[in-house]
Amino acid sequence: MSARTVRDDAAGRAEATAVLQSGGVVAIPTDTVYGIAVALETPDGIERLFRIKRRPPDQGIMLLLDAASQARSIGVMGSAASALADACWPGGLTVVVPQGPDVPLPAVLTGGSPTIGLRVPDHDAPRALAAAVGPLPTTSANVSGLPEAGNAPEIFAQLGDAIDLILDGGPARGGPPSTVVDCTGERPLVLREGAIPIARIAAILDGASVDHDLAG
């Protein structure tokens, strides 16, 4: 059965919420590219994301959140992660933090790692859905090896038979991916420079009196 496409408006988001709550997979717009998301509690949901993308589950999937407060329900937000989140969220920053000690996340979500990547995107749709159903495991809306889909027709062409709903927010904004900062060690480490320059990350950490080895 092919995916339905609905507009990214109040009615569309309500339908997307219902699909996620019933265990379905939804393509959603974000502040960069489209992603495919599933509710965190869905049995076999994250495995389904891997199957849809046709890639082995050897890399973790990040969680999109509605706010920094939701991050604290999932991971251990130390001084570095908290300072970066306060300064950059919503926006193009992913922080990698230790999983909360009482948060049993599926091993397939994190690739077996005790850490988790978290981001609050600068787009109302994923934040609204995360507020409704909880942190959203999300990965880019494309088959591995193919270009990232930039609009609803491209998503349908690649994934239409494998997902349940497309929330159509128009053409993807594009731009660089999020900057990824590992905040699990004694000093933060930039794993990928993207939307937020390393110099900005260093300045935020300096302002919070967090030790680091990043070039300012």
Protein backbone atom coordinates (compact mmCIF):
# COMPACT_ATOMS: atom_id res chain seq x y z
CA MET A 1 0.00 0.00 0.00
CA SER A 2 1.45 3.36 -1.02
CA ALA A 3 1.97 6.24 1.37
CA ARG A 4 -0.60 9.00 1.59
CA THR A 5 0.57 12.61 1.28
CA VAL A 6 -0.92 15.32 3.47
CA ARG A 7 -0.08 19.00 3.85
CA ASP A 8 2.07 20.14 6.74
CA ASP A 9 -0.67 22.01 8.55
CA ALA A 10 -2.59 21.42 11.76
CA ALA A 11 -4.73 18.68 10.23
CA GLY A 12 -1.74 17.03 8.58
CA ARG A 13 0.26 17.05 11.78
CA ALA A 14 -2.68 15.55 13.66
CA GLU A 15 -2.83 12.74 11.10
CA ALA A 16 0.94 12.25 11.27
CA THR A 17 0.71 12.03 15.05
CA ALA A 18 -1.99 9.38 14.80
CA VAL A 19 0.05 7.36 12.31
CA LEU A 20 3.13 7.50 14.55
CA GLN A 21 1.10 6.54 17.61
CA SER A 22 -0.28 3.54 15.73
CA GLY A 23 3.22 2.33 14.85
CA GLY A 24 3.57 3.79 11.36
CA VAL A 25 6.50 5.49 9.63
CA VAL A 26 6.10 9.11 8.54
CA ALA A 27 8.26 11.27 6.27
CA ILE A 28 8.61 14.70 7.86
CA PRO A 29 10.15 18.03 6.87
CA THR A 30 12.99 19.37 8.99
CA ASP A 31 15.18 22.45 8.88
CA THR A 32 17.60 20.67 6.51
CA VAL A 33 16.32 17.63 4.61
CA TYR A 34 13.27 15.42 4.94
CA GLY A 35 13.50 12.56 7.40
CA ILE A 36 11.59 9.37 8.08
CA ALA A 37 10.52 8.94 11.67
CA VAL A 38 8.85 6.40 13.91
CA ALA A 39 7.65 6.55 17.51
CA LEU A 40 10.37 5.43 19.90
CA GLU A 41 8.12 2.88 21.61
CA THR A 42 7.07 1.15 18.37
CA PRO A 43 8.05 -2.55 18.44
CA ASP A 44 10.53 -3.20 15.61
CA GLY A 45 10.07 0.42 14.52
CA ILE A 46 13.75 1.34 14.34
CA GLU A 47 14.54 -1.91 12.55
CA ARG A 48 11.88 -0.92 10.03
CA LEU A 49 13.64 2.39 9.41
CA PHE A 50 16.81 0.47 8.54
CA ARG A 51 14.89 -1.85 6.25
CA ILE A 52 13.26 1.09 4.47
CA LYS A 53 16.64 2.70 3.90
CA ARG A 54 18.12 -0.68 2.88
CA ARG A 55 21.16 -0.34 5.04
CA PRO A 56 22.57 -2.57 7.79
CA PRO A 57 21.90 -1.39 11.35
CA ASP A 58 25.53 -0.56 12.07
CA GLN A 59 25.09 3.13 12.87
CA GLY A 60 22.94 4.79 15.47
CA ILE A 61 19.94 6.95 14.67
CA MET A 62 19.52 10.35 16.34
CA LEU A 63 16.43 11.55 18.17
CA LEU A 64 14.64 14.75 17.18
CA LEU A 65 13.17 16.55 20.18
CA ASP A 66 10.67 19.29 20.88
CA ALA A 67 12.81 21.16 23.43
CA ALA A 68 15.92 20.90 25.60
CA SER A 69 13.74 19.72 28.48
CA GLN A 70 12.97 16.57 26.50
CA ALA A 71 16.70 15.97 26.07
CA ARG A 72 17.10 15.72 29.82
CA SER A 73 14.54 12.91 29.90
CA ILE A 74 16.70 10.84 27.54
CA GLY A 75 20.36 11.69 28.08
CA VAL A 76 22.78 13.07 30.64
CA MET A 77 23.12 16.74 29.71
CA GLY A 78 26.37 17.84 31.31
CA SER A 79 27.74 21.38 31.34
CA ALA A 80 29.05 21.28 27.77
CA ALA A 81 25.90 19.78 26.24
CA SER A 82 23.65 22.12 28.23
CA ALA A 83 25.58 25.23 27.22
CA LEU A 84 25.56 24.24 23.55
CA ALA A 85 21.88 23.33 23.62
CA ASP A 86 20.91 26.59 25.32
CA ALA A 87 22.81 28.58 22.70
CA CYS A 88 22.02 26.61 19.53
CA TRP A 89 18.61 24.96 19.92
CA PRO A 90 16.42 25.04 17.98
CA GLY A 91 19.01 24.76 15.22
CA GLY A 92 21.74 22.86 13.48
CA LEU A 93 23.41 21.20 16.45
CA THR A 94 23.42 17.54 17.43
CA VAL A 95 24.90 16.70 20.82
CA VAL A 96 26.04 13.18 21.62
CA VAL A 97 25.54 12.48 25.32
CA PRO A 98 25.47 9.46 27.61
CA GLN A 99 22.14 7.71 27.83
CA GLY A 100 20.26 8.35 31.03
CA PRO A 101 20.89 5.55 33.52
CA ASP A 102 17.18 4.78 33.85
CA VAL A 103 16.31 5.16 30.14
CA PRO A 104 16.24 1.75 28.42
CA LEU A 105 16.77 2.75 24.79
CA PRO A 106 16.74 0.00 22.15
CA ALA A 107 20.27 -1.15 21.33
CA VAL A 108 19.53 -0.89 17.61
CA LEU A 109 18.80 2.82 18.03
CA THR A 110 22.33 3.55 19.21
CA GLY A 111 24.28 0.85 17.39
CA GLY A 112 24.90 -0.75 20.77
CA SER A 113 26.60 2.38 22.12
CA PRO A 114 25.77 3.78 25.59
CA THR A 115 25.44 7.23 23.99
CA ILE A 116 22.69 8.97 22.01
CA GLY A 117 22.56 11.84 19.53
CA LEU A 118 19.94 14.53 20.28
CA ARG A 119 18.76 17.58 18.33
CA VAL A 120 15.99 20.18 18.51
CA PRO A 121 15.42 21.19 14.87
CA ASP A 122 14.53 24.69 13.74
CA HIS A 123 11.25 23.54 12.19
CA ASP A 124 7.82 23.46 13.78
CA ALA A 125 6.72 20.12 12.31
CA PRO A 126 9.20 17.72 13.94
CA ARG A 127 9.03 19.65 17.20
CA ALA A 128 5.22 19.40 17.24
CA LEU A 129 5.35 15.68 16.53
CA ALA A 130 8.02 15.09 19.19
CA ALA A 131 5.90 17.01 21.69
CA ALA A 132 2.95 14.77 20.87
CA VAL A 133 4.57 11.33 20.72
CA GLY A 134 7.97 11.76 22.40
CA PRO A 135 11.52 11.87 21.03
CA LEU A 136 11.52 10.79 17.39
CA PRO A 137 14.10 8.39 15.95
CA THR A 138 14.70 10.03 12.57
CA THR A 139 16.96 9.35 9.60
CA SER A 140 17.15 10.94 6.18
CA ALA A 141 14.31 10.15 3.76
CA ASN A 142 16.17 8.24 1.07
CA VAL A 143 17.34 4.80 0.13
CA SER A 144 21.00 4.37 1.07
CA GLY A 145 23.18 5.36 -1.85
CA LEU A 146 20.54 7.53 -3.51
CA PRO A 147 20.27 11.34 -3.21
CA GLU A 148 18.38 12.71 -0.23
CA ALA A 149 14.80 13.40 -1.25
CA GLY A 150 14.10 17.13 -1.36
CA ASN A 151 10.33 17.16 -1.70
CA ALA A 152 7.24 14.97 -1.36
CA PRO A 153 7.27 13.60 -4.95
CA GLU A 154 10.92 12.55 -4.58
CA ILE A 155 10.15 10.86 -1.27
CA PHE A 156 7.23 9.04 -2.85
CA ALA A 157 9.38 7.89 -5.78
CA GLN A 158 12.01 6.40 -3.46
CA LEU A 159 9.99 5.29 -0.44
CA GLY A 160 6.30 5.52 -1.28
CA ASP A 161 5.67 1.79 -1.03
CA ALA A 162 7.59 1.41 2.22
CA ILE A 163 6.26 4.19 4.46
CA ASP A 164 2.79 5.13 5.65
CA LEU A 165 2.50 8.91 5.35
CA ILE A 166 4.33 11.90 3.85
CA LEU A 167 3.90 15.23 5.65
CA ASP A 168 4.40 17.63 2.76
CA GLY A 169 6.04 20.87 3.85
CA GLY A 170 7.20 21.90 0.38
CA PRO A 171 10.79 21.80 -0.84
CA ALA A 172 13.39 20.95 1.78
CA ARG A 173 15.34 23.94 3.03
CA GLY A 174 18.64 22.14 2.37
CA GLY A 175 21.88 23.67 3.54
CA PRO A 176 24.61 22.02 5.59
CA PRO A 177 23.80 19.20 8.00
CA SER A 178 23.92 19.73 11.72
CA THR A 179 27.22 20.11 13.52
CA VAL A 180 27.76 17.05 15.73
CA VAL A 181 29.52 17.50 19.06
CA ASP A 182 30.45 14.55 21.29
CA CYS A 183 29.89 15.65 24.87
CA THR A 184 30.51 12.27 26.48
CA GLY A 185 34.17 12.75 27.43
CA GLU A 186 36.07 15.17 29.60
CA ARG A 187 36.40 17.62 26.71
CA PRO A 188 33.87 18.11 23.90
CA LEU A 189 34.89 16.81 20.48
CA VAL A 190 33.45 17.96 17.15
CA LEU A 191 32.60 14.84 15.15
CA ARG A 192 31.24 16.77 12.15
CA GLU A 193 31.35 20.46 11.35
CA GLY A 194 28.15 21.55 9.66
CA ALA A 195 25.66 24.35 10.15
CA ILE A 196 27.43 25.79 13.20
CA PRO A 197 31.15 26.59 12.77
CA ILE A 198 33.69 25.16 15.18
CA ALA A 199 34.66 28.70 16.19
CA ARG A 200 31.08 29.29 17.38
CA ILE A 201 31.12 26.04 19.35
CA ALA A 202 34.41 27.07 20.98
CA ALA A 203 33.04 30.51 21.88
CA ILE A 204 29.96 29.00 23.53
CA LEU A 205 32.12 26.62 25.57
CA ASP A 206 34.43 29.46 26.57
CA GLY A 207 31.44 31.47 27.73
CA ALA A 208 30.34 28.55 29.88
CA SER A 209 33.86 27.99 31.27
CA VAL A 210 33.99 24.50 29.76
CA ASP A 211 37.48 23.22 28.98
CA HIS A 212 38.05 22.17 25.37
CA ASP A 213 40.72 21.82 22.70
CA LEU A 214 38.75 23.40 19.84
CA ALA A 215 40.18 26.21 17.76
CA GLY A 216 38.34 29.43 18.50
